[in-house]
Amino acid sequence: MNLMGSEMIDTTEGLLLHLGQCLPDHGAPICAIDTEADSLHRYRESLCLVQFAVRGGSVLIDPLAIKDLSPLGRYLTNATVWMHGADYDMTMLKRQFGELPAMIYDTQIGARLLGARRFGLGDLVARYFGVELSKSSQKSDWGKRPLSAKMIEYALNDVHYLLEMGDIITTGLKDLGRYDWFEESCIAARQRVLDRDDTKEEMWRIQGSGKLDSRGLAYLRALWNWRDGEAKSWDKPSFMVISNRPLLEWSTECAAGRKVALPHHFRADRVKRFHAALAAVKALPEADWPERAVGKRRKRDKDFDRKVDILIARREKVAKELDIEGSLIAPRAILESLTAGEIEPSQALLKWQCQCLEFADGSLSFE
């Protein structure tokens, strides 16, 4: 049941009315938010649905129909918002409104700090409420209208339990003396999204490209741009043209002067543009080939490994005592960077993590 008696809000007027009903008598608004996009179905990802809940019920907000979403942006500015696995949803809200709600609490972070090893939304709903959520609409095309009854049910369930779950998690964290850890972690996660540069350059440097030489990188860059152009003209995600692994393999083959066998289903015009991209690389002066990314080579020896092992053993001892995953305190990669002197504890870890690892004074100890 919801406040307006309708599951979908699709006009600015309806949005204003609903948000007005959701304003508290005093204090900042508290709500739960989730989002759906069409990244699995379109070239350029769009915000397709906002799931919104307050204590009085849940509704769906349709960004594809509502011409002006600014009332929602204004409502969220000073709001306390509960989300689950919030990074993606925060990214979508930042892209839509240019800012984020004042405070965002993530039930996934809270559950992990309570010791949960299975912390998907479905896992937590089953754990706390004994309800099995359907996953049938997980990969649906949220850009299509009308939404099916199953999609509506799936979307509403994404926020229906969040506020009550947040109450349960908050109580548990306070009982264990970890609520401050939770708040610090959520504030840091929100800030990471605000600080992230979404216009990063050289997106063609995909995972695995570090193994290519400069010639191979020149081919990879050209083929990545070819694939991007094909996806854009087709209005489909780039992986539907071809995945990253073949791009790397083709770049290696081309750099070695070998022919590439393309999939048989490629249309003639797509094949023609592919070969045009290769020809452009062949004509490219060597001086214009991309440079290999040179990472800082870390000196590894028995003493380095010994120090890392000491930190990992300390982490695992504390994690066992707290009954949480060790990686939640500090991933191995960060412990290695700390040991190598590449970063300071205060740069890489939160205050509670430093305390767990006995880095409270900002210095490392390997005893």
Protein backbone atom coordinates (compact mmCIF):
# COMPACT_ATOMS: atom_id res chain seq x y z
CA MET A 1 0.00 0.00 0.00
CA ASN A 2 1.30 3.52 -0.73
CA LEU A 3 0.34 7.06 0.09
CA MET A 4 -1.24 7.94 -3.24
CA GLY A 5 -3.02 4.70 -4.05
CA SER A 6 -0.96 4.34 -7.25
CA GLU A 7 2.21 2.35 -7.90
CA MET A 8 3.65 4.66 -10.59
CA ILE A 9 4.19 8.42 -10.53
CA ASP A 10 4.60 9.70 -14.07
CA THR A 11 3.94 13.47 -13.91
CA THR A 12 5.72 16.38 -12.24
CA GLU A 13 2.46 17.32 -10.54
CA GLY A 14 2.06 13.83 -9.14
CA LEU A 15 5.67 13.86 -7.96
CA LEU A 16 5.22 17.19 -6.17
CA LEU A 17 2.05 15.95 -4.48
CA HIS A 18 3.61 12.70 -3.32
CA LEU A 19 6.80 14.30 -2.01
CA GLY A 20 4.74 16.89 -0.17
CA GLN A 21 2.92 14.08 1.60
CA CYS A 22 6.26 12.51 2.50
CA LEU A 23 7.70 15.57 4.26
CA PRO A 24 8.03 14.99 8.02
CA ASP A 25 6.48 17.37 10.52
CA HIS A 26 9.96 18.21 11.77
CA GLY A 27 13.52 17.25 10.91
CA ALA A 28 15.04 16.02 7.66
CA PRO A 29 13.20 13.54 5.41
CA ILE A 30 14.08 9.86 5.72
CA CYS A 31 13.48 7.56 2.78
CA ALA A 32 14.75 4.54 0.88
CA ILE A 33 15.86 4.74 -2.75
CA ASP A 34 16.79 2.30 -5.49
CA THR A 35 17.23 2.88 -9.22
CA GLU A 36 16.95 0.93 -12.46
CA ALA A 37 18.69 1.78 -15.72
CA ASP A 38 18.90 0.26 -19.19
CA SER A 39 22.65 -0.39 -19.37
CA LEU A 40 22.08 -3.97 -20.55
CA HIS A 41 19.93 -2.82 -23.45
CA ARG A 42 21.09 0.62 -24.69
CA TYR A 43 24.33 2.25 -25.83
CA ARG A 44 23.93 5.27 -23.56
CA GLU A 45 22.67 4.32 -20.14
CA SER A 46 19.59 6.18 -18.91
CA LEU A 47 17.89 6.40 -15.54
CA CYS A 48 14.63 4.54 -16.18
CA LEU A 49 13.06 4.10 -12.76
CA VAL A 50 13.40 5.37 -9.20
CA GLN A 51 11.99 3.24 -6.42
CA PHE A 52 11.06 5.44 -3.47
CA ALA A 53 9.83 4.46 0.00
CA VAL A 54 8.98 6.20 3.26
CA ARG A 55 7.41 4.72 6.37
CA GLY A 56 3.97 5.12 4.78
CA GLY A 57 4.66 2.99 1.71
CA SER A 58 6.51 2.68 -1.62
CA VAL A 59 6.03 4.04 -5.11
CA LEU A 60 7.78 4.00 -8.46
CA ILE A 61 8.87 7.28 -10.06
CA ASP A 62 9.13 7.27 -13.86
CA PRO A 63 12.02 9.52 -15.07
CA LEU A 64 11.20 8.65 -18.70
CA ALA A 65 7.74 10.23 -18.40
CA ILE A 66 8.35 13.04 -15.92
CA LYS A 67 9.72 16.10 -17.69
CA ASP A 68 11.03 17.77 -14.53
CA LEU A 69 12.60 15.61 -11.81
CA SER A 70 13.94 18.59 -9.86
CA PRO A 71 11.33 18.21 -7.06
CA LEU A 72 12.90 14.85 -6.24
CA GLY A 73 16.37 16.40 -6.34
CA ARG A 74 15.30 19.14 -3.91
CA TYR A 75 13.64 16.60 -1.60
CA LEU A 76 16.80 14.48 -1.48
CA THR A 77 19.19 17.39 -0.88
CA ASN A 78 18.69 17.36 2.90
CA ALA A 79 17.37 13.82 3.18
CA THR A 80 18.74 10.78 4.96
CA VAL A 81 18.52 8.00 2.41
CA TRP A 82 18.81 4.24 2.87
CA MET A 83 20.10 2.17 -0.04
CA HIS A 84 21.51 -1.29 -0.59
CA GLY A 85 24.80 -1.71 -2.46
CA ALA A 86 24.63 2.03 -2.94
CA ASP A 87 27.57 2.77 -5.25
CA TYR A 88 25.68 2.34 -8.52
CA ASP A 89 22.56 4.12 -7.29
CA MET A 90 24.63 7.02 -5.95
CA THR A 91 26.34 7.27 -9.33
CA MET A 92 22.97 7.47 -11.09
CA LEU A 93 21.68 10.15 -8.70
CA LYS A 94 24.87 12.17 -9.05
CA ARG A 95 24.56 11.99 -12.84
CA GLN A 96 20.90 13.03 -12.71
CA PHE A 97 21.05 15.82 -10.12
CA GLY A 98 24.74 16.78 -9.93
CA GLU A 99 24.77 16.11 -6.19
CA LEU A 100 23.93 13.48 -3.61
CA PRO A 101 21.62 13.35 -0.58
CA ALA A 102 23.03 14.74 2.65
CA MET A 103 23.48 11.29 4.19
CA ILE A 104 23.32 7.85 2.60
CA TYR A 105 23.24 4.68 4.68
CA ASP A 106 24.03 1.40 2.96
CA THR A 107 22.41 -1.71 4.41
CA GLN A 108 25.03 -3.86 2.67
CA ILE A 109 27.85 -2.13 4.56
CA GLY A 110 25.92 -2.43 7.81
CA ALA A 111 25.18 -6.12 7.33
CA ARG A 112 28.84 -6.87 6.61
CA LEU A 113 29.88 -5.04 9.77
CA LEU A 114 27.45 -7.31 11.63
CA GLY A 115 29.24 -10.33 10.17
CA ALA A 116 27.04 -11.26 7.22
CA ARG A 117 28.89 -13.31 4.57
CA ARG A 118 25.90 -13.34 2.22
CA PHE A 119 24.82 -9.74 1.89
CA GLY A 120 22.83 -9.40 -1.32
CA LEU A 121 19.44 -7.76 -0.85
CA GLY A 122 17.65 -11.09 -1.33
CA ASP A 123 19.94 -12.73 1.24
CA LEU A 124 19.21 -10.05 3.85
CA VAL A 125 15.46 -9.97 3.22
CA ALA A 126 15.39 -13.75 3.69
CA ARG A 127 17.53 -13.46 6.83
CA TYR A 128 15.61 -10.66 8.52
CA PHE A 129 12.07 -11.15 7.21
CA GLY A 130 11.91 -14.77 6.05
CA VAL A 131 10.82 -13.67 2.55
CA GLU A 132 12.29 -15.02 -0.69
CA LEU A 133 12.50 -12.27 -3.32
CA SER A 134 12.07 -13.14 -6.99
CA LYS A 135 15.04 -12.42 -9.26
CA SER A 136 13.03 -12.89 -12.46
CA SER A 137 13.21 -9.22 -13.52
CA GLN A 138 16.85 -8.62 -12.65
CA LYS A 139 17.94 -8.21 -16.28
CA SER A 140 14.72 -6.76 -17.65
CA ASP A 141 14.64 -3.84 -20.07
CA TRP A 142 13.58 -1.03 -17.72
CA GLY A 143 13.37 1.40 -20.61
CA LYS A 144 10.27 -0.31 -22.01
CA ARG A 145 6.75 0.74 -21.13
CA PRO A 146 4.40 -0.40 -19.79
CA LEU A 147 6.19 -2.32 -17.05
CA SER A 148 4.82 -5.79 -16.41
CA ALA A 149 3.22 -6.70 -13.09
CA LYS A 150 6.27 -8.85 -12.27
CA MET A 151 8.65 -5.96 -12.96
CA ILE A 152 6.60 -3.62 -10.77
CA GLU A 153 6.58 -6.14 -7.93
CA TYR A 154 10.33 -6.72 -8.30
CA ALA A 155 11.08 -2.98 -8.32
CA LEU A 156 8.92 -2.18 -5.29
CA ASN A 157 10.48 -5.03 -3.31
CA ASP A 158 13.89 -3.37 -3.78
CA VAL A 159 12.88 -0.62 -1.34
CA HIS A 160 9.95 -2.12 0.57
CA TYR A 161 12.15 -3.66 3.29
CA LEU A 162 15.02 -1.16 3.44
CA LEU A 163 13.84 1.21 6.18
CA GLU A 164 12.86 -1.58 8.57
CA MET A 165 16.05 -3.43 7.70
CA GLY A 166 17.97 -0.26 8.46
CA ASP A 167 16.35 -0.16 11.91
CA ILE A 168 17.38 -3.77 12.58
CA ILE A 169 20.94 -3.20 11.38
CA THR A 170 21.28 0.05 13.31
CA THR A 171 20.19 -1.64 16.54
CA GLY A 172 22.62 -4.51 15.96
CA LEU A 173 25.53 -2.19 15.23
CA LYS A 174 24.87 -0.09 18.32
CA ASP A 175 24.66 -3.21 20.47
CA LEU A 176 28.11 -4.25 19.20
CA GLY A 177 29.59 -0.76 19.46
CA ARG A 178 30.14 -0.57 15.69
CA TYR A 179 27.65 2.11 14.69
CA ASP A 180 30.40 4.72 14.41
CA TRP A 181 32.25 2.36 12.05
CA PHE A 182 29.14 2.09 9.93
CA GLU A 183 28.59 5.83 9.76
CA GLU A 184 32.24 6.50 8.88
CA SER A 185 32.14 3.83 6.16
CA CYS A 186 28.94 5.23 4.63
CA ILE A 187 30.26 8.80 4.63
CA ALA A 188 33.46 7.62 2.92
CA ALA A 189 31.52 5.63 0.28
CA ARG A 190 29.40 8.69 -0.52
CA GLN A 191 32.49 10.87 -0.82
CA ARG A 192 34.18 8.41 -3.18
CA VAL A 193 31.28 8.73 -5.60
CA LEU A 194 31.34 12.53 -5.34
CA ASP A 195 35.11 12.58 -5.99
CA ARG A 196 35.03 10.07 -8.84
CA ASP A 197 35.75 11.47 -12.29
CA ASP A 198 33.10 9.98 -14.57
CA THR A 199 34.83 11.46 -17.63
CA LYS A 200 37.97 9.38 -17.29
CA GLU A 201 40.13 9.26 -20.38
CA GLU A 202 41.53 6.27 -22.23
CA MET A 203 38.62 3.96 -21.50
CA TRP A 204 40.04 1.70 -24.19
CA ARG A 205 42.75 0.57 -21.76
CA ILE A 206 40.66 -2.39 -20.69
CA GLN A 207 41.73 -5.06 -18.21
CA GLY A 208 44.53 -7.12 -19.73
CA SER A 209 45.81 -4.34 -22.00
CA GLY A 210 48.95 -3.98 -19.87
CA LYS A 211 50.35 -7.08 -21.55
CA LEU A 212 50.31 -5.45 -25.01
CA ASP A 213 53.24 -3.59 -26.51
CA SER A 214 52.80 -0.16 -28.10
CA ARG A 215 51.82 -1.61 -31.49
CA GLY A 216 49.25 -3.85 -29.84
CA LEU A 217 47.90 -0.89 -27.89
CA ALA A 218 47.51 1.07 -31.12
CA TYR A 219 45.37 -1.73 -32.51
CA LEU A 220 43.40 -2.06 -29.28
CA ARG A 221 42.61 1.66 -29.23
CA ALA A 222 41.43 1.55 -32.83
CA LEU A 223 39.34 -1.57 -32.31
CA TRP A 224 37.81 -0.21 -29.11
CA ASN A 225 36.77 2.95 -30.98
CA TRP A 226 35.44 0.82 -33.85
CA ARG A 227 33.33 -1.22 -31.41
CA ASP A 228 32.12 1.93 -29.67
CA GLY A 229 30.99 3.39 -32.99
CA GLU A 230 29.17 0.18 -33.91
CA ALA A 231 27.41 0.10 -30.53
CA LYS A 232 26.41 3.75 -30.78
CA SER A 233 24.89 3.41 -34.26
CA TRP A 234 23.08 0.23 -33.16
CA ASP A 235 22.01 1.76 -29.81
CA LYS A 236 23.17 -1.31 -27.93
CA PRO A 237 25.78 -1.87 -25.20
CA SER A 238 29.28 -2.42 -26.59
CA PHE A 239 29.47 -5.99 -25.26
CA MET A 240 26.67 -6.90 -27.67
CA VAL A 241 29.00 -6.02 -30.57
CA ILE A 242 31.92 -7.99 -29.16
CA SER A 243 33.29 -8.55 -25.65
CA ASN A 244 36.65 -7.32 -24.36
CA ARG A 245 38.48 -10.62 -24.61
CA PRO A 246 38.30 -10.90 -28.41
CA LEU A 247 39.43 -7.26 -28.69
CA LEU A 248 42.60 -8.15 -26.77
CA GLU A 249 43.13 -11.30 -28.83
CA TRP A 250 42.60 -9.46 -32.13
CA SER A 251 45.00 -6.70 -31.06
CA THR A 252 47.66 -9.29 -30.29
CA GLU A 253 47.12 -11.03 -33.64
CA CYS A 254 47.21 -7.78 -35.60
CA ALA A 255 50.37 -6.60 -33.86
CA ALA A 256 52.01 -9.88 -34.87
CA GLY A 257 50.93 -9.39 -38.50
CA ARG A 258 48.42 -12.23 -38.47
CA LYS A 259 44.91 -12.17 -39.92
CA VAL A 260 41.88 -12.02 -37.66
CA ALA A 261 38.92 -14.35 -38.10
CA LEU A 262 35.77 -12.33 -37.46
CA PRO A 263 32.45 -13.86 -36.32
CA HIS A 264 30.33 -15.09 -39.23
CA HIS A 265 27.30 -13.11 -38.08
CA PHE A 266 29.03 -9.74 -38.64
CA ARG A 267 27.35 -7.77 -41.44
CA ALA A 268 29.42 -6.78 -44.45
CA ASP A 269 29.36 -3.07 -43.58
CA ARG A 270 30.59 -3.82 -40.03
CA VAL A 271 33.43 -5.93 -41.41
CA LYS A 272 34.32 -3.14 -43.85
CA ARG A 273 34.58 -0.61 -41.01
CA PHE A 274 36.65 -3.10 -39.00
CA HIS A 275 39.23 -3.40 -41.75
CA ALA A 276 39.24 0.37 -42.22
CA ALA A 277 40.16 0.72 -38.53
CA LEU A 278 43.06 -1.72 -39.01
CA ALA A 279 44.26 0.11 -42.09
CA ALA A 280 44.32 3.36 -40.16
CA VAL A 281 46.62 1.79 -37.57
CA LYS A 282 48.97 0.49 -40.26
CA ALA A 283 49.27 4.02 -41.61
CA LEU A 284 49.87 5.49 -38.16
CA PRO A 285 53.44 6.64 -37.46
CA GLU A 286 55.12 4.76 -34.63
CA ALA A 287 55.49 8.04 -32.75
CA ASP A 288 51.69 8.18 -32.46
CA TRP A 289 51.32 4.74 -30.95
CA PRO A 290 50.09 4.79 -27.33
CA GLU A 291 52.70 4.40 -24.64
CA ARG A 292 52.56 1.44 -22.33
CA ALA A 293 51.37 2.34 -18.85
CA VAL A 294 54.37 1.93 -16.59
CA GLY A 295 53.45 0.95 -13.08
CA LYS A 296 55.72 1.53 -10.16
CA ARG A 297 57.71 -1.65 -9.69
CA ARG A 298 57.52 -2.81 -6.12
CA LYS A 299 60.57 -4.41 -4.56
CA ARG A 300 59.54 -7.75 -3.17
CA ASP A 301 61.85 -9.79 -0.96
CA LYS A 302 61.61 -12.09 2.02
CA ASP A 303 61.42 -9.14 4.41
CA PHE A 304 58.58 -7.56 2.43
CA ASP A 305 56.62 -10.82 2.36
CA ARG A 306 57.29 -11.31 6.07
CA LYS A 307 55.85 -7.87 6.89
CA VAL A 308 52.79 -8.43 4.72
CA ASP A 309 52.20 -11.79 6.39
CA ILE A 310 52.40 -10.08 9.81
CA LEU A 311 49.75 -7.54 8.82
CA ILE A 312 47.50 -10.21 7.31
CA ALA A 313 47.82 -12.38 10.42
CA ARG A 314 46.95 -9.36 12.58
CA ARG A 315 43.97 -8.56 10.35
CA GLU A 316 42.68 -12.13 10.42
CA LYS A 317 43.05 -12.35 14.21
CA VAL A 318 40.95 -9.20 14.67
CA ALA A 319 38.45 -10.31 12.00
CA LYS A 320 37.95 -13.63 13.76
CA GLU A 321 37.39 -11.90 17.09
CA LEU A 322 34.86 -9.53 15.47
CA ASP A 323 33.33 -12.29 13.31
CA ILE A 324 33.63 -10.21 10.12
CA GLU A 325 35.51 -10.74 6.86
CA GLY A 326 39.16 -9.72 6.96
CA SER A 327 38.89 -7.87 3.65
CA LEU A 328 36.39 -5.53 5.28
CA ILE A 329 39.14 -4.34 7.60
CA ALA A 330 41.74 -4.03 4.82
CA PRO A 331 42.17 -5.74 1.43
CA ARG A 332 45.51 -7.44 0.82
CA ALA A 333 46.42 -4.93 -1.92
CA ILE A 334 46.22 -2.07 0.57
CA LEU A 335 48.32 -3.96 3.12
CA GLU A 336 50.97 -4.51 0.44
CA SER A 337 50.95 -0.81 -0.49
CA LEU A 338 51.31 0.14 3.16
CA THR A 339 54.22 -2.27 3.60
CA ALA A 340 55.94 -0.84 0.50
CA GLY A 341 55.58 2.68 1.90
CA GLU A 342 53.51 3.81 -1.10
CA ILE A 343 50.72 5.20 1.08
CA GLU A 344 50.13 6.13 4.71
CA PRO A 345 47.51 4.34 6.81
CA SER A 346 45.39 7.48 7.08
CA GLN A 347 45.30 7.79 3.28
CA ALA A 348 44.12 4.26 2.64
CA LEU A 349 42.09 3.26 5.67
CA LEU A 350 39.28 4.66 7.78
CA LYS A 351 39.80 5.47 11.45
CA TRP A 352 38.09 2.32 12.65
CA GLN A 353 40.17 0.19 10.29
CA CYS A 354 43.38 1.81 11.56
CA GLN A 355 42.30 1.10 15.12
CA CYS A 356 41.64 -2.56 14.32
CA LEU A 357 45.13 -2.87 12.82
CA GLU A 358 46.78 -0.85 15.60
CA PHE A 359 47.64 2.01 13.24
CA ALA A 360 45.86 4.57 15.41
CA ASP A 361 48.95 6.80 15.71
CA GLY A 362 49.41 6.75 11.94
CA SER A 363 52.53 4.57 11.96
CA LEU A 364 53.06 0.95 10.95
CA SER A 365 54.14 -1.74 13.35
CA PHE A 366 55.38 -5.15 12.20
CA GLU A 367 55.82 -6.72 15.58
